[in-house]
C-alpha atoms as a PDB file:
ATOM      1  CA  MET A   1      -8.613  20.874   9.372  1.00  0.00           C
ATOM      2  CA  LYS A   2      -9.258  17.217  10.123  1.00  0.00           C
ATOM      3  CA  ARG A   3      -7.413  14.795   7.852  1.00  0.00           C
ATOM      4  CA  LYS A   4      -9.368  12.601   5.483  1.00  0.00           C
ATOM      5  CA  ILE A   5      -8.754   8.947   6.309  1.00  0.00           C
ATOM      6  CA  CYS A   6      -8.694   6.060   3.866  1.00  0.00           C
ATOM      7  CA  TYR A   7      -9.771   2.552   4.883  1.00  0.00           C
ATOM      8  CA  SER A   8      -8.301  -0.525   3.230  1.00  0.00           C
ATOM      9  CA  ASP A   9     -10.967  -3.148   2.530  1.00  0.00           C
ATOM     10  CA  LEU A  10      -8.543  -5.837   3.771  1.00  0.00           C
ATOM     11  CA  PRO A  11     -10.887  -6.559   6.742  1.00  0.00           C
ATOM     12  CA  LEU A  12     -13.509  -7.598   4.168  1.00  0.00           C
ATOM     13  CA  ILE A  13     -11.237  -9.485   1.771  1.00  0.00           C
ATOM     14  CA  SER A  14     -12.941 -12.067  -0.487  1.00  0.00           C
ATOM     15  CA  LYS A  15     -16.281 -10.255  -0.215  1.00  0.00           C
ATOM     16  CA  ASP A  16     -17.931  -8.256  -2.984  1.00  0.00           C
ATOM     17  CA  PRO A  17     -15.858  -5.095  -3.630  1.00  0.00           C
ATOM     18  CA  LEU A  18     -18.847  -2.850  -4.231  1.00  0.00           C
ATOM     19  CA  LYS A  19     -20.557  -3.968  -1.027  1.00  0.00           C
ATOM     20  CA  ASN A  20     -17.248  -3.501   0.796  1.00  0.00           C
ATOM     21  CA  VAL A  21     -17.165   0.137  -0.241  1.00  0.00           C
ATOM     22  CA  HIS A  22     -20.753   0.691   0.905  1.00  0.00           C
ATOM     23  CA  ASP A  23     -19.962  -0.930   4.272  1.00  0.00           C
ATOM     24  CA  LEU A  24     -16.799   1.118   4.769  1.00  0.00           C
ATOM     25  CA  ILE A  25     -18.600   4.355   3.915  1.00  0.00           C
ATOM     26  CA  GLU A  26     -21.131   3.473   6.630  1.00  0.00           C
ATOM     27  CA  TYR A  27     -18.254   3.272   9.124  1.00  0.00           C
ATOM     28  CA  GLY A  28     -16.783   6.633   8.185  1.00  0.00           C
ATOM     29  CA  ALA A  29     -14.348   6.061   5.320  1.00  0.00           C
ATOM     30  CA  ASP A  30     -13.353   9.190   3.418  1.00  0.00           C
ATOM     31  CA  LYS A  31     -11.571   7.031   0.832  1.00  0.00           C
ATOM     32  CA  VAL A  32     -11.307   3.290   0.252  1.00  0.00           C
ATOM     33  CA  GLU A  33      -8.240   1.302  -0.774  1.00  0.00           C
ATOM     34  CA  LEU A  34      -9.450  -1.627  -2.867  1.00  0.00           C
ATOM     35  CA  LEU A  35      -7.323  -4.753  -2.456  1.00  0.00           C
ATOM     36  CA  MET A  36      -7.613  -6.767  -5.675  1.00  0.00           C
ATOM     37  CA  ASP A  37      -7.186 -10.200  -4.079  1.00  0.00           C
ATOM     38  CA  GLY A  38      -9.644 -13.030  -3.541  1.00  0.00           C
ATOM     39  CA  GLU A  39     -12.108 -14.910  -5.724  1.00  0.00           C
ATOM     40  CA  LYS A  40     -14.244 -11.837  -6.461  1.00  0.00           C
ATOM     41  CA  TRP A  41     -11.330 -10.486  -8.521  1.00  0.00           C
ATOM     42  CA  ASP A  42     -10.678 -13.711 -10.487  1.00  0.00           C
ATOM     43  CA  GLU A  43     -12.284 -12.296 -13.621  1.00  0.00           C
ATOM     44  CA  MET A  44     -11.136  -8.767 -12.960  1.00  0.00           C
ATOM     45  CA  GLU A  45     -10.732  -7.575 -16.560  1.00  0.00           C
ATOM     46  CA  LYS A  46     -14.272  -8.664 -17.419  1.00  0.00           C
ATOM     47  CA  SER A  47     -15.701  -6.735 -14.476  1.00  0.00           C
ATOM     48  CA  PHE A  48     -13.687  -3.521 -14.799  1.00  0.00           C
ATOM     49  CA  LYS A  49     -16.142  -1.558 -16.916  1.00  0.00           C
ATOM     50  CA  LYS A  50     -19.258  -2.360 -14.889  1.00  0.00           C
ATOM     51  CA  LEU A  51     -17.537  -2.114 -11.507  1.00  0.00           C
ATOM     52  CA  SER A  52     -15.799   1.165 -12.315  1.00  0.00           C
ATOM     53  CA  SER A  53     -19.096   2.706 -13.374  1.00  0.00           C
ATOM     54  CA  LYS A  54     -20.737   1.687 -10.091  1.00  0.00           C
ATOM     55  CA  LEU A  55     -17.791   2.854  -7.968  1.00  0.00           C
ATOM     56  CA  LYS A  56     -17.721   6.282  -9.577  1.00  0.00           C
ATOM     57  CA  GLU A  57     -21.359   6.810  -8.601  1.00  0.00           C
ATOM     58  CA  LEU A  58     -20.429   6.750  -4.907  1.00  0.00           C
ATOM     59  CA  PRO A  59     -19.417   9.906  -2.992  1.00  0.00           C
ATOM     60  CA  ILE A  60     -15.921   8.711  -2.148  1.00  0.00           C
ATOM     61  CA  GLY A  61     -12.379   8.519  -3.510  1.00  0.00           C
ATOM     62  CA  TYR A  62     -10.198   5.458  -4.039  1.00  0.00           C
ATOM     63  CA  THR A  63      -6.708   4.056  -3.986  1.00  0.00           C
ATOM     64  CA  ILE A  64      -5.806   0.678  -5.491  1.00  0.00           C
ATOM     65  CA  HIS A  65      -3.800  -2.182  -4.018  1.00  0.00           C
ATOM     66  CA  PRO A  66      -3.016  -4.834  -6.661  1.00  0.00           C
ATOM     67  CA  PRO A  67      -2.886  -8.516  -5.682  1.00  0.00           C
ATOM     68  CA  ALA A  68      -0.537  -8.912  -2.720  1.00  0.00           C
ATOM     69  CA  TRP A  69      -0.294 -12.676  -2.345  1.00  0.00           C
ATOM     70  CA  ASP A  70       1.781 -14.783  -4.770  1.00  0.00           C
ATOM     71  CA  ILE A  71       3.044 -11.662  -6.561  1.00  0.00           C
ATOM     72  CA  ASN A  72       6.777 -10.911  -6.661  1.00  0.00           C
ATOM     73  CA  LEU A  73       8.422  -8.531  -9.135  1.00  0.00           C
ATOM     74  CA  THR A  74      11.837  -9.794  -8.058  1.00  0.00           C
ATOM     75  CA  SER A  75      11.112 -13.531  -8.004  1.00  0.00           C
ATOM     76  CA  GLU A  76      13.901 -15.912  -8.987  1.00  0.00           C
ATOM     77  CA  ASN A  77      11.366 -17.339 -11.450  1.00  0.00           C
ATOM     78  CA  LYS A  78      11.049 -15.265 -14.620  1.00  0.00           C
ATOM     79  CA  ALA A  79       7.469 -16.374 -15.290  1.00  0.00           C
ATOM     80  CA  ILE A  80       6.375 -15.104 -11.862  1.00  0.00           C
ATOM     81  CA  ARG A  81       8.178 -11.795 -12.429  1.00  0.00           C
ATOM     82  CA  GLU A  82       6.467 -11.261 -15.760  1.00  0.00           C
ATOM     83  CA  THR A  83       3.048 -12.290 -14.448  1.00  0.00           C
ATOM     84  CA  SER A  84       3.470  -9.909 -11.516  1.00  0.00           C
ATOM     85  CA  PHE A  85       4.328  -7.097 -13.930  1.00  0.00           C
ATOM     86  CA  SER A  86       1.249  -7.890 -16.007  1.00  0.00           C
ATOM     87  CA  GLU A  87      -1.027  -7.892 -12.949  1.00  0.00           C
ATOM     88  CA  TYR A  88       0.308  -4.507 -11.882  1.00  0.00           C
ATOM     89  CA  LYS A  89      -0.457  -3.093 -15.332  1.00  0.00           C
ATOM     90  CA  LYS A  90      -4.054  -4.326 -15.041  1.00  0.00           C
ATOM     91  CA  ALA A  91      -4.371  -2.609 -11.657  1.00  0.00           C
ATOM     92  CA  ILE A  92      -3.022   0.647 -13.115  1.00  0.00           C
ATOM     93  CA  GLU A  93      -5.597   0.484 -15.921  1.00  0.00           C
ATOM     94  CA  PHE A  94      -8.384  -0.013 -13.386  1.00  0.00           C
ATOM     95  CA  ALA A  95      -7.064   2.839 -11.235  1.00  0.00           C
ATOM     96  CA  SER A  96      -7.266   5.124 -14.252  1.00  0.00           C
ATOM     97  CA  MET A  97     -10.877   4.103 -14.840  1.00  0.00           C
ATOM     98  CA  ILE A  98     -11.972   5.113 -11.311  1.00  0.00           C
ATOM     99  CA  HIS A  99      -9.569   8.076 -10.976  1.00  0.00           C
ATOM    100  CA  ALA A 100      -7.790   6.462  -8.026  1.00  0.00           C
ATOM    101  CA  ALA A 101      -5.237   8.614  -6.209  1.00  0.00           C
ATOM    102  CA  HIS A 102      -2.498   5.990  -6.551  1.00  0.00           C
ATOM    103  CA  VAL A 103      -1.662   2.326  -7.069  1.00  0.00           C
ATOM    104  CA  VAL A 104       0.391   0.499  -4.447  1.00  0.00           C
ATOM    105  CA  ILE A 105       3.448  -1.335  -5.784  1.00  0.00           C
ATOM    106  CA  HIS A 106       5.340  -4.000  -3.851  1.00  0.00           C
ATOM    107  CA  PRO A 107       8.927  -3.868  -5.157  1.00  0.00           C
ATOM    108  CA  GLY A 108       9.443  -7.545  -4.362  1.00  0.00           C
ATOM    109  CA  PHE A 109      10.763 -10.058  -1.878  1.00  0.00           C
ATOM    110  CA  CYS A 110      13.923 -12.108  -1.429  1.00  0.00           C
ATOM    111  CA  PHE A 111      12.803 -15.293   0.279  1.00  0.00           C
ATOM    112  CA  SER A 112      16.169 -17.000   0.697  1.00  0.00           C
ATOM    113  CA  PRO A 113      19.573 -15.664   1.768  1.00  0.00           C
ATOM    114  CA  VAL A 114      21.156 -17.581  -1.127  1.00  0.00           C
ATOM    115  CA  PHE A 115      19.598 -15.079  -3.561  1.00  0.00           C
ATOM    116  CA  ASP A 116      21.259 -11.779  -4.453  1.00  0.00           C
ATOM    117  CA  ARG A 117      19.480  -8.782  -2.923  1.00  0.00           C
ATOM    118  CA  ARG A 118      21.342  -6.389  -5.223  1.00  0.00           C
ATOM    119  CA  LEU A 119      19.993  -8.254  -8.235  1.00  0.00           C
ATOM    120  CA  ALA A 120      16.519  -8.113  -6.688  1.00  0.00           C
ATOM    121  CA  GLN A 121      16.840  -4.347  -6.235  1.00  0.00           C
ATOM    122  CA  GLN A 122      17.904  -3.927  -9.856  1.00  0.00           C
ATOM    123  CA  ARG A 123      14.988  -6.013 -11.067  1.00  0.00           C
ATOM    124  CA  ALA A 124      12.643  -3.912  -8.938  1.00  0.00           C
ATOM    125  CA  ALA A 125      14.036  -0.678 -10.367  1.00  0.00           C
ATOM    126  CA  ASP A 126      13.753  -1.939 -13.947  1.00  0.00           C
ATOM    127  CA  TYR A 127      10.165  -3.094 -13.603  1.00  0.00           C
ATOM    128  CA  ILE A 128       9.059  -0.029 -11.645  1.00  0.00           C
ATOM    129  CA  ASN A 129      10.548   2.318 -14.235  1.00  0.00           C
ATOM    130  CA  GLN A 130       8.585   0.428 -16.911  1.00  0.00           C
ATOM    131  CA  LEU A 131       5.429   0.672 -14.800  1.00  0.00           C
ATOM    132  CA  CYS A 132       6.041   4.417 -14.411  1.00  0.00           C
ATOM    133  CA  GLU A 133       6.115   4.819 -18.189  1.00  0.00           C
ATOM    134  CA  PHE A 134       2.808   2.961 -18.456  1.00  0.00           C
ATOM    135  CA  ALA A 135       1.184   4.776 -15.497  1.00  0.00           C
ATOM    136  CA  LYS A 136       2.269   8.227 -16.640  1.00  0.00           C
ATOM    137  CA  ARG A 137       0.280   7.854 -19.865  1.00  0.00           C
ATOM    138  CA  LEU A 138      -2.814   7.118 -17.761  1.00  0.00           C
ATOM    139  CA  ASN A 139      -2.135   9.876 -15.212  1.00  0.00           C
ATOM    140  CA  VAL A 140      -1.769   7.380 -12.365  1.00  0.00           C
ATOM    141  CA  LYS A 141       0.672   7.721  -9.461  1.00  0.00           C
ATOM    142  CA  LEU A 142       2.571   4.696  -8.121  1.00  0.00           C
ATOM    143  CA  ALA A 143       3.190   4.263  -4.396  1.00  0.00           C
ATOM    144  CA  ILE A 144       6.229   2.068  -3.667  1.00  0.00           C
ATOM    145  CA  GLU A 145       5.795   0.175  -0.394  1.00  0.00           C
ATOM    146  CA  ASN A 146       8.344  -1.256   2.031  1.00  0.00           C
ATOM    147  CA  VAL A 147       7.495  -4.955   2.257  1.00  0.00           C
ATOM    148  CA  GLY A 148       9.055  -8.103   3.675  1.00  0.00           C
ATOM    149  CA  TYR A 149      10.330  -9.056   7.130  1.00  0.00           C
ATOM    150  CA  ASN A 150      12.320 -11.850   8.795  1.00  0.00           C
ATOM    151  CA  GLY A 151      14.950 -11.408   6.088  1.00  0.00           C
ATOM    152  CA  SER A 152      12.652 -11.260   3.047  1.00  0.00           C
ATOM    153  CA  SER A 153      12.875  -7.490   2.502  1.00  0.00           C
ATOM    154  CA  ILE A 154      15.089  -6.541  -0.440  1.00  0.00           C
ATOM    155  CA  PHE A 155      15.959  -3.243   1.276  1.00  0.00           C
ATOM    156  CA  THR A 156      17.584  -1.989   4.437  1.00  0.00           C
ATOM    157  CA  GLN A 157      16.131   1.223   5.842  1.00  0.00           C
ATOM    158  CA  ASP A 158      18.698   3.400   4.073  1.00  0.00           C
ATOM    159  CA  GLU A 159      18.337   1.485   0.801  1.00  0.00           C
ATOM    160  CA  PHE A 160      14.592   1.991   0.833  1.00  0.00           C
ATOM    161  CA  THR A 161      14.758   5.720   1.510  1.00  0.00           C
ATOM    162  CA  SER A 162      17.186   6.207  -1.372  1.00  0.00           C
ATOM    163  CA  PHE A 163      15.560   3.763  -3.806  1.00  0.00           C
ATOM    164  CA  LEU A 164      13.529   6.336  -5.727  1.00  0.00           C
ATOM    165  CA  GLU A 165      16.486   8.605  -6.487  1.00  0.00           C
ATOM    166  CA  ASN A 166      16.767   7.139  -9.986  1.00  0.00           C
ATOM    167  CA  ILE A 167      13.082   6.342 -10.452  1.00  0.00           C
ATOM    168  CA  ASP A 168      10.679   8.509 -12.449  1.00  0.00           C
ATOM    169  CA  GLU A 169       8.662  11.078 -10.478  1.00  0.00           C
ATOM    170  CA  THR A 170       5.497   9.145 -11.323  1.00  0.00           C
ATOM    171  CA  ALA A 171       6.481   7.017  -8.322  1.00  0.00           C
ATOM    172  CA  GLY A 172       6.537   8.051  -4.694  1.00  0.00           C
ATOM    173  CA  TYR A 173       6.766   6.258  -1.372  1.00  0.00           C
ATOM    174  CA  LEU A 174       4.102   4.388   0.534  1.00  0.00           C
ATOM    175  CA  PHE A 175       5.579   3.817   3.976  1.00  0.00           C
ATOM    176  CA  ASP A 176       4.068   0.873   5.835  1.00  0.00           C
ATOM    177  CA  ILE A 177       4.484   1.476   9.558  1.00  0.00           C
ATOM    178  CA  GLY A 178       3.720  -2.097  10.612  1.00  0.00           C
ATOM    179  CA  HIS A 179       6.306  -3.555   8.243  1.00  0.00           C
ATOM    180  CA  ALA A 180       8.901  -1.047   9.448  1.00  0.00           C
ATOM    181  CA  ASN A 181       8.211  -2.054  13.058  1.00  0.00           C
ATOM    182  CA  LEU A 182       8.875  -5.714  12.188  1.00  0.00           C
ATOM    183  CA  ASN A 183      12.243  -4.773  10.691  1.00  0.00           C
ATOM    184  CA  GLY A 184      13.288  -2.516  13.551  1.00  0.00           C
ATOM    185  CA  TRP A 185      13.449   0.616  11.401  1.00  0.00           C
ATOM    186  CA  ASP A 186      13.503   4.123  12.856  1.00  0.00           C
ATOM    187  CA  ILE A 187       9.996   5.063  11.761  1.00  0.00           C
ATOM    188  CA  PRO A 188      10.096   8.827  12.450  1.00  0.00           C
ATOM    189  CA  GLN A 189      13.429   9.044  10.616  1.00  0.00           C
ATOM    190  CA  VAL A 190      12.086   7.252   7.540  1.00  0.00           C
ATOM    191  CA  ILE A 191       9.141   9.641   7.440  1.00  0.00           C
ATOM    192  CA  LYS A 192      11.557  12.578   7.540  1.00  0.00           C
ATOM    193  CA  ASN A 193      13.808  11.082   4.867  1.00  0.00           C
ATOM    194  CA  THR A 194      10.981  10.291   2.438  1.00  0.00           C
ATOM    195  CA  LYS A 195       8.692  13.262   3.064  1.00  0.00           C
ATOM    196  CA  ASP A 196       9.381  14.978  -0.255  1.00  0.00           C
ATOM    197  CA  ARG A 197       8.021  11.971  -2.156  1.00  0.00           C
ATOM    198  CA  LEU A 198       5.745  10.466   0.480  1.00  0.00           C
ATOM    199  CA  ILE A 199       2.363   9.590  -1.025  1.00  0.00           C
ATOM    200  CA  ALA A 200       0.793   7.570   1.781  1.00  0.00           C
ATOM    201  CA  LEU A 201       1.201   5.728   5.064  1.00  0.00           C
ATOM    202  CA  HIS A 202      -0.187   2.260   5.735  1.00  0.00           C
ATOM    203  CA  ILE A 203      -1.203   2.393   9.377  1.00  0.00           C
ATOM    204  CA  HIS A 204      -1.443  -0.763  11.467  1.00  0.00           C
ATOM    205  CA  ASP A 205       0.191  -2.269  14.545  1.00  0.00           C
ATOM    206  CA  ASN A 206       1.953  -5.495  15.555  1.00  0.00           C
ATOM    207  CA  ASN A 207       4.087  -6.920  18.353  1.00  0.00           C
ATOM    208  CA  GLY A 208       7.302  -6.913  16.347  1.00  0.00           C
ATOM    209  CA  ILE A 209       7.044 -10.623  15.484  1.00  0.00           C
ATOM    210  CA  GLY A 210       4.343 -11.167  12.854  1.00  0.00           C
ATOM    211  CA  ASP A 211       2.547  -8.991  10.300  1.00  0.00           C
ATOM    212  CA  ASP A 212      -0.653  -8.941  12.340  1.00  0.00           C
ATOM    213  CA  HIS A 213      -2.232  -5.721  10.991  1.00  0.00           C
ATOM    214  CA  LEU A 214      -3.636  -4.855  14.401  1.00  0.00           C
ATOM    215  CA  PRO A 215      -5.551  -1.655  15.129  1.00  0.00           C
ATOM    216  CA  ILE A 216      -3.594   1.347  16.401  1.00  0.00           C
ATOM    217  CA  GLY A 217      -2.389   0.867  19.977  1.00  0.00           C
ATOM    218  CA  GLU A 218      -2.762  -2.913  20.151  1.00  0.00           C
ATOM    219  CA  GLY A 219       0.921  -3.673  19.491  1.00  0.00           C
ATOM    220  CA  THR A 220       4.363  -2.216  20.133  1.00  0.00           C
ATOM    221  CA  VAL A 221       4.451   0.629  17.573  1.00  0.00           C
ATOM    222  CA  GLN A 222       5.321   3.956  19.240  1.00  0.00           C
ATOM    223  CA  TRP A 223       2.467   5.994  17.803  1.00  0.00           C
ATOM    224  CA  GLN A 224       2.953   9.194  19.786  1.00  0.00           C
ATOM    225  CA  GLU A 225       6.408   9.737  18.292  1.00  0.00           C
ATOM    226  CA  ILE A 226       5.192   8.914  14.791  1.00  0.00           C
ATOM    227  CA  PHE A 227       2.321  11.351  14.786  1.00  0.00           C
ATOM    228  CA  LYS A 228       4.426  13.988  16.512  1.00  0.00           C
ATOM    229  CA  THR A 229       6.790  13.677  13.541  1.00  0.00           C
ATOM    230  CA  ILE A 230       3.926  13.934  11.051  1.00  0.00           C
ATOM    231  CA  LYS A 231       2.770  17.148  12.717  1.00  0.00           C
ATOM    232  CA  GLU A 232       6.208  18.710  13.164  1.00  0.00           C
ATOM    233  CA  GLN A 233       7.293  17.885   9.609  1.00  0.00           C
ATOM    234  CA  SER A 234       3.975  19.082   8.142  1.00  0.00           C
ATOM    235  CA  ILE A 235       3.581  15.747   6.381  1.00  0.00           C
ATOM    236  CA  ASP A 236       0.767  15.929   3.833  1.00  0.00           C
ATOM    237  CA  CYS A 237       0.063  12.405   2.626  1.00  0.00           C
ATOM    238  CA  GLN A 238      -2.785   9.917   2.547  1.00  0.00           C
ATOM    239  CA  LEU A 239      -3.327   8.029   5.809  1.00  0.00           C
ATOM    240  CA  ILE A 240      -4.619   4.501   5.203  1.00  0.00           C
ATOM    241  CA  LEU A 241      -5.881   2.243   7.988  1.00  0.00           C
ATOM    242  CA  GLU A 242      -4.935  -1.262   6.861  1.00  0.00           C
ATOM    243  CA  TYR A 243      -6.353  -3.658   9.439  1.00  0.00           C
ATOM    244  CA  ALA A 244      -6.393  -7.460   9.294  1.00  0.00           C
ATOM    245  CA  PRO A 245      -9.065  -9.647   7.683  1.00  0.00           C
ATOM    246  CA  GLY A 246     -12.007 -10.036  10.024  1.00  0.00           C
ATOM    247  CA  THR A 247     -11.288  -6.912  12.067  1.00  0.00           C
ATOM    248  CA  PRO A 248     -14.599  -5.436  13.269  1.00  0.00           C
ATOM    249  CA  LEU A 249     -15.327  -2.331  11.209  1.00  0.00           C
ATOM    250  CA  GLY A 250     -15.913  -0.355  14.386  1.00  0.00           C
ATOM    251  CA  LYS A 251     -12.148  -0.530  14.929  1.00  0.00           C
ATOM    252  CA  LEU A 252     -11.696   1.505  11.746  1.00  0.00           C
ATOM    253  CA  ARG A 253     -14.038   4.165  13.065  1.00  0.00           C
ATOM    254  CA  GLU A 254     -12.081   4.193  16.329  1.00  0.00           C
ATOM    255  CA  GLY A 255      -8.808   4.524  14.419  1.00  0.00           C
ATOM    256  CA  LYS A 256     -10.135   7.425  12.403  1.00  0.00           C
ATOM    257  CA  GLY A 257     -11.107   9.179  15.621  1.00  0.00           C
ATOM    258  CA  LYS A 258      -7.718   8.897  17.304  1.00  0.00           C
ATOM    259  CA  LYS A 259      -6.357  12.189  18.618  1.00  0.00           C
ATOM    260  CA  PHE A 260      -3.189  11.594  16.571  1.00  0.00           C
ATOM    261  CA  PHE A 261      -5.054  12.787  13.495  1.00  0.00           C
END
């Protein structure tokens, strides 16, 4: 049976979310991941009720990606940490309203080597456990993503794959293949090590230097080995094409049609 593929609306960022969904459906999306960044989300709480009603009328499922820019659960600034936590709670509430499959959570970044990564990891665990308590009441799953590169990740490969051991089962892993490529991680091995709690994969390519969010096959990611692992390990998770802002939507259709799936 052919896998259902989710499209992130990142290529259409800053445009109207409802129109984005219509456009992505036209190009073959089975689900849409709504990225809650850009000016259209500035008054998000005021728009939740009306927008959720309109979204639920469409023949498609959703996942939610809270604001990604300027958000850091492990910031050295307490006000930023607490604001980030608050924004994630809003996203979880919205996810509940549209019955989204999960909400993506960035555990945080460590932007300077002078800061303590162990402290950052503890802050991430504390906040994520609190978010799990909140999400569980709303029947929402949390997908913890590997983020950061060029030294800003708070995890090594092994630390990431063991991070959820003491985290509530409301949370699972979202493994971002492009980010892993930037950090030189063994991508097939991470998939194997996280498969029991793997909720989704963010699928995009790069040349190992910048977080370019290129379409499949346009960078240095070794896709054949990755999708061989998915098949051999019987991985059953959501596949999300997360291509860069401005990417022609036809590239999403091409990605969905790759033989890897």
